[in-house]
Amino acid sequence: MGKGGDASIPASRSIALKSNDKAEKYTWAEVKKHITPDDAWIVHANKVYDVSNWHDHPGGAVIFTHAGDDMTDIFAAFHAQGSQAMMKKFYIGDLIPESVEHKDQSQLDFEKGYRDLRAKLVMMGMFKSSKGYYAYKCTF
């Protein structure tokens, strides 16, 4: 894959994760230290991923704008269902949820409400595109 992608994953990390039953645990403070493209960690659903030097990200360098941050909702907004499967190779451990101190209860409630609403819309099929609709739009 060139820079990033499979090439950016140290062999020792992927081997260590396969041989260990327990995932590494990280605090929010530790995640916040990794904010550059050369050292980029992101959080998705309380799982920590090391996407350092992944310059071949299909969406471009935008992935680095969320380095050191939670990108759970942004990921859901811009990726198709099933895209999480590709993230497995970047997984390095779990976030300790109790270490997140920058979100108050109203923010947590808002995120829960947003995620619940999105889940309901997915169940209703609101994110499924209609090929017939696009064919109709292209004819006029």
Protein backbone atom coordinates (compact mmCIF):
# COMPACT_ATOMS: atom_id res chain seq x y z
CA MET A 1 0.00 0.00 0.00
CA GLY A 2 2.96 2.36 0.07
CA LYS A 3 3.08 4.82 2.97
CA GLY A 4 0.40 4.09 5.52
CA GLY A 5 -2.14 1.30 5.23
CA ASP A 6 -0.61 -2.12 5.71
CA ALA A 7 2.89 -0.67 5.44
CA SER A 8 2.30 1.63 8.42
CA ILE A 9 1.46 -1.23 10.77
CA PRO A 10 4.53 -2.47 12.61
CA ALA A 11 4.75 -6.25 12.43
CA SER A 12 5.40 -6.42 16.15
CA ARG A 13 2.07 -4.72 16.90
CA SER A 14 -0.03 -7.06 14.78
CA ILE A 15 1.77 -10.11 16.15
CA ALA A 16 1.36 -8.89 19.75
CA LEU A 17 -2.36 -8.36 19.34
CA LYS A 18 -2.87 -11.81 17.89
CA SER A 19 -0.97 -13.52 20.67
CA ASN A 20 -2.48 -11.59 23.61
CA ASP A 21 -5.96 -12.27 24.90
CA LYS A 22 -6.14 -8.95 26.76
CA ALA A 23 -6.19 -5.67 24.91
CA GLU A 24 -4.00 -2.79 26.01
CA LYS A 25 -5.86 -0.10 27.98
CA TYR A 26 -5.34 3.60 27.29
CA THR A 27 -6.46 6.75 29.06
CA TRP A 28 -7.88 9.76 27.26
CA ALA A 29 -4.77 11.71 28.27
CA GLU A 30 -2.59 9.14 26.45
CA VAL A 31 -4.73 9.30 23.30
CA LYS A 32 -4.53 13.13 23.27
CA LYS A 33 -0.72 12.93 22.94
CA HIS A 34 -0.96 11.40 19.45
CA ILE A 35 -2.14 14.28 17.27
CA THR A 36 0.18 14.45 14.25
CA PRO A 37 0.07 12.52 10.97
CA ASP A 38 3.30 10.76 11.97
CA ASP A 39 1.82 9.78 15.34
CA ALA A 40 -1.98 9.65 15.00
CA TRP A 41 -4.31 7.77 17.29
CA ILE A 42 -8.08 7.91 16.97
CA VAL A 43 -10.93 6.54 19.06
CA HIS A 44 -14.00 4.79 17.66
CA ALA A 45 -16.58 3.32 20.04
CA ASN A 46 -14.06 3.30 22.91
CA LYS A 47 -11.49 1.41 20.85
CA VAL A 48 -8.11 3.01 20.10
CA TYR A 49 -6.57 2.85 16.63
CA ASP A 50 -3.11 3.88 15.48
CA VAL A 51 -3.47 5.39 11.98
CA SER A 52 -0.02 6.99 11.96
CA ASN A 53 1.27 7.68 8.45
CA TRP A 54 -1.83 6.26 6.79
CA HIS A 55 -1.57 8.64 3.86
CA ASP A 56 -3.42 6.18 1.60
CA HIS A 57 -6.67 6.67 3.53
CA PRO A 58 -9.38 6.69 0.82
CA GLY A 59 -10.68 10.04 2.10
CA GLY A 60 -7.23 11.59 2.13
CA ALA A 61 -5.50 13.38 4.97
CA VAL A 62 -8.81 14.31 6.60
CA ILE A 63 -8.30 11.32 8.89
CA PHE A 64 -5.51 13.22 10.62
CA THR A 65 -7.86 16.07 11.60
CA HIS A 66 -9.27 13.70 14.21
CA ALA A 67 -5.94 12.49 15.54
CA GLY A 68 -6.06 12.38 19.32
CA ASP A 69 -9.83 12.57 19.31
CA ASP A 70 -13.04 10.52 19.25
CA MET A 71 -14.23 10.08 15.68
CA THR A 72 -17.12 7.69 16.33
CA ASP A 73 -19.87 9.93 14.98
CA ILE A 74 -17.80 11.41 12.15
CA PHE A 75 -16.95 7.89 11.01
CA ALA A 76 -20.61 6.89 10.99
CA ALA A 77 -21.52 9.96 8.95
CA PHE A 78 -18.98 9.35 6.18
CA HIS A 79 -18.54 5.58 5.94
CA ALA A 80 -20.75 2.77 4.72
CA GLN A 81 -21.81 0.01 7.05
CA GLY A 82 -19.15 -2.65 7.16
CA SER A 83 -16.27 -0.16 6.88
CA GLN A 84 -15.30 -0.95 10.47
CA ALA A 85 -13.87 -4.26 9.26
CA MET A 86 -10.93 -2.45 7.66
CA MET A 87 -10.15 -0.75 10.97
CA LYS A 88 -9.17 -4.01 12.68
CA LYS A 89 -5.61 -3.84 11.42
CA PHE A 90 -5.12 -0.45 13.13
CA TYR A 91 -6.56 -1.51 16.51
CA ILE A 92 -4.13 -1.14 19.40
CA GLY A 93 -6.36 -1.32 22.47
CA ASP A 94 -9.31 -0.01 24.42
CA LEU A 95 -10.05 3.40 25.85
CA ILE A 96 -10.71 3.55 29.57
CA PRO A 97 -14.12 5.32 29.45
CA GLU A 98 -13.76 6.68 32.98
CA SER A 99 -10.68 8.64 31.87
CA VAL A 100 -12.77 10.88 29.59
CA GLU A 101 -13.13 14.03 31.68
CA HIS A 102 -13.82 16.66 29.01
CA LYS A 103 -17.42 15.55 28.37
CA ASP A 104 -20.12 16.50 30.83
CA GLN A 105 -23.37 14.59 31.24
CA SER A 106 -25.24 16.83 28.78
CA GLN A 107 -22.65 16.05 26.07
CA LEU A 108 -22.85 12.33 26.79
CA ASP A 109 -26.66 12.49 26.67
CA PHE A 110 -26.51 14.37 23.35
CA GLU A 111 -24.16 11.77 21.83
CA LYS A 112 -26.39 8.93 23.03
CA GLY A 113 -29.46 10.62 21.56
CA TYR A 114 -27.69 11.21 18.25
CA ARG A 115 -26.49 7.61 18.06
CA ASP A 116 -29.92 6.23 18.99
CA LEU A 117 -31.56 8.40 16.30
CA ARG A 118 -29.05 7.31 13.69
CA ALA A 119 -29.58 3.64 14.60
CA LYS A 120 -33.34 4.07 14.17
CA LEU A 121 -32.88 5.74 10.78
CA VAL A 122 -30.58 2.92 9.65
CA MET A 123 -33.19 0.36 10.75
CA MET A 124 -35.82 2.27 8.76
CA GLY A 125 -33.62 2.05 5.66
CA MET A 126 -33.13 5.80 5.41
CA PHE A 127 -29.47 5.44 4.41
CA LYS A 128 -30.09 3.01 1.56
CA SER A 129 -29.80 4.63 -1.83
CA SER A 130 -32.17 3.95 -4.68
CA LYS A 131 -30.54 3.28 -8.05
CA GLY A 132 -33.87 4.01 -9.70
CA TYR A 133 -33.96 7.47 -8.13
CA TYR A 134 -30.49 8.32 -9.43
CA ALA A 135 -31.34 6.98 -12.91
CA TYR A 136 -34.46 9.19 -12.88
CA LYS A 137 -32.46 12.25 -11.76
CA CYS A 138 -29.87 11.71 -14.48
CA THR A 139 -32.46 11.56 -17.25
CA PHE A 140 -33.67 15.13 -16.63
